[in-house]
């Protein structure tokens, strides 16, 4: 992956980050994640906490589209249910 990665999403925890990363992988978009910057305290150690999901700059637009489509589908399913 390029060293100039862009944040495409921030997940509440590692599980959610894995789900987002899986959606991107299914769309053919390579991604990586790391603990999100939590503000004044900096990055939090340990396994918990928010995660930033990164993609290459050239994949950012498509990644946003894929995640938007996935969110729209989830909202439609919620409205139907």
C-alpha atoms as a PDB file:
ATOM      1  CA  UNK A   1       0.000   0.000   0.000  1.00  0.00           C
ATOM      2  CA  UNK A   2       1.055   3.569  -0.575  1.00  0.00           C
ATOM      3  CA  UNK A   3       2.399   5.582   2.345  1.00  0.00           C
ATOM      4  CA  UNK A   4      -0.048   8.396   1.520  1.00  0.00           C
ATOM      5  CA  UNK A   5      -3.231   6.654   2.616  1.00  0.00           C
ATOM      6  CA  UNK A   6      -6.562   8.408   3.164  1.00  0.00           C
ATOM      7  CA  UNK A   7      -9.145   7.743   5.865  1.00  0.00           C
ATOM      8  CA  UNK A   8     -12.332   6.464   4.271  1.00  0.00           C
ATOM      9  CA  UNK A   9     -14.192   5.636   7.496  1.00  0.00           C
ATOM     10  CA  UNK A  10     -13.883   5.491  11.252  1.00  0.00           C
ATOM     11  CA  UNK A  11     -15.361   2.478  13.011  1.00  0.00           C
ATOM     12  CA  UNK A  12     -16.486   2.368  16.626  1.00  0.00           C
ATOM     13  CA  UNK A  13     -14.448  -0.765  17.342  1.00  0.00           C
ATOM     14  CA  UNK A  14     -12.341  -3.519  15.771  1.00  0.00           C
ATOM     15  CA  UNK A  15     -15.375  -5.660  14.862  1.00  0.00           C
ATOM     16  CA  UNK A  16     -17.033  -2.827  12.920  1.00  0.00           C
ATOM     17  CA  UNK A  17     -13.688  -2.006  11.264  1.00  0.00           C
ATOM     18  CA  UNK A  18     -13.369  -5.621  10.104  1.00  0.00           C
ATOM     19  CA  UNK A  19     -16.875  -5.443   8.593  1.00  0.00           C
ATOM     20  CA  UNK A  20     -16.060  -2.244   6.710  1.00  0.00           C
ATOM     21  CA  UNK A  21     -12.744  -3.661   5.548  1.00  0.00           C
ATOM     22  CA  UNK A  22     -14.565  -6.789   4.323  1.00  0.00           C
ATOM     23  CA  UNK A  23     -16.999  -4.711   2.273  1.00  0.00           C
ATOM     24  CA  UNK A  24     -14.092  -2.874   0.680  1.00  0.00           C
ATOM     25  CA  UNK A  25     -12.238  -6.125  -0.025  1.00  0.00           C
ATOM     26  CA  UNK A  26     -15.321  -7.572  -1.742  1.00  0.00           C
ATOM     27  CA  UNK A  27     -15.326  -4.491  -3.975  1.00  0.00           C
ATOM     28  CA  UNK A  28     -11.662  -5.075  -4.842  1.00  0.00           C
ATOM     29  CA  UNK A  29     -10.380  -2.195  -2.715  1.00  0.00           C
ATOM     30  CA  UNK A  30      -7.366  -2.821  -0.514  1.00  0.00           C
ATOM     31  CA  UNK A  31      -7.593  -1.256   2.941  1.00  0.00           C
ATOM     32  CA  UNK A  32      -5.840  -1.170   6.275  1.00  0.00           C
ATOM     33  CA  UNK A  33      -6.828   0.007   9.738  1.00  0.00           C
ATOM     34  CA  UNK A  34      -5.298   1.359  12.920  1.00  0.00           C
ATOM     35  CA  UNK A  35      -6.467   2.787  16.205  1.00  0.00           C
ATOM     36  CA  UNK A  36      -8.134   6.138  15.673  1.00  0.00           C
ATOM     37  CA  UNK A  37      -6.707   9.309  17.163  1.00  0.00           C
ATOM     38  CA  UNK A  38      -8.809   9.863  20.264  1.00  0.00           C
ATOM     39  CA  UNK A  39      -7.978  13.507  20.786  1.00  0.00           C
ATOM     40  CA  UNK A  40      -6.023  14.953  23.706  1.00  0.00           C
ATOM     41  CA  UNK A  41      -4.835  11.557  24.937  1.00  0.00           C
ATOM     42  CA  UNK A  42      -3.556  10.493  21.525  1.00  0.00           C
ATOM     43  CA  UNK A  43      -3.903   6.913  20.442  1.00  0.00           C
ATOM     44  CA  UNK A  44      -5.261   4.471  22.971  1.00  0.00           C
ATOM     45  CA  UNK A  45      -3.390   1.246  23.657  1.00  0.00           C
ATOM     46  CA  UNK A  46      -4.977  -2.167  23.933  1.00  0.00           C
ATOM     47  CA  UNK A  47      -7.498  -3.908  21.705  1.00  0.00           C
ATOM     48  CA  UNK A  48     -10.520  -1.668  22.181  1.00  0.00           C
ATOM     49  CA  UNK A  49     -11.418   1.661  20.715  1.00  0.00           C
ATOM     50  CA  UNK A  50     -12.258   3.294  17.435  1.00  0.00           C
ATOM     51  CA  UNK A  51     -10.409   2.369  14.243  1.00  0.00           C
ATOM     52  CA  UNK A  52      -9.644   4.462  11.174  1.00  0.00           C
ATOM     53  CA  UNK A  53      -9.882   2.587   7.875  1.00  0.00           C
ATOM     54  CA  UNK A  54      -7.447   3.736   5.193  1.00  0.00           C
ATOM     55  CA  UNK A  55      -7.354   3.277   1.417  1.00  0.00           C
ATOM     56  CA  UNK A  56      -5.089   4.489  -1.371  1.00  0.00           C
ATOM     57  CA  UNK A  57      -5.871   7.996  -2.613  1.00  0.00           C
ATOM     58  CA  UNK A  58      -6.847   6.629  -6.038  1.00  0.00           C
ATOM     59  CA  UNK A  59      -9.370   4.271  -4.361  1.00  0.00           C
ATOM     60  CA  UNK A  60     -10.937   6.870  -2.069  1.00  0.00           C
ATOM     61  CA  UNK A  61     -13.821   7.945  -4.310  1.00  0.00           C
ATOM     62  CA  UNK A  62     -14.819   4.375  -5.170  1.00  0.00           C
ATOM     63  CA  UNK A  63     -14.488   3.300  -1.524  1.00  0.00           C
ATOM     64  CA  UNK A  64     -16.822   6.108  -0.459  1.00  0.00           C
ATOM     65  CA  UNK A  65     -19.331   5.013  -3.119  1.00  0.00           C
ATOM     66  CA  UNK A  66     -19.183   1.379  -2.001  1.00  0.00           C
ATOM     67  CA  UNK A  67     -19.653   2.278   1.659  1.00  0.00           C
ATOM     68  CA  UNK A  68     -22.481   4.692   0.819  1.00  0.00           C
ATOM     69  CA  UNK A  69     -24.267   2.002  -1.209  1.00  0.00           C
ATOM     70  CA  UNK A  70     -23.854  -0.462   1.657  1.00  0.00           C
ATOM     71  CA  UNK A  71     -25.265   2.049   4.151  1.00  0.00           C
ATOM     72  CA  UNK A  72     -28.206   2.819   1.838  1.00  0.00           C
ATOM     73  CA  UNK A  73     -29.000  -0.890   1.518  1.00  0.00           C
ATOM     74  CA  UNK A  74     -28.939  -1.269   5.292  1.00  0.00           C
ATOM     75  CA  UNK A  75     -31.304   1.667   5.752  1.00  0.00           C
ATOM     76  CA  UNK A  76     -33.725   0.193   3.172  1.00  0.00           C
ATOM     77  CA  UNK A  77     -33.694  -3.153   4.976  1.00  0.00           C
ATOM     78  CA  UNK A  78     -34.394  -1.397   8.284  1.00  0.00           C
ATOM     79  CA  UNK A  79     -37.353   0.492   6.752  1.00  0.00           C
ATOM     80  CA  UNK A  80     -38.783  -2.711   5.250  1.00  0.00           C
ATOM     81  CA  UNK A  81     -38.350  -4.706   8.468  1.00  0.00           C
END
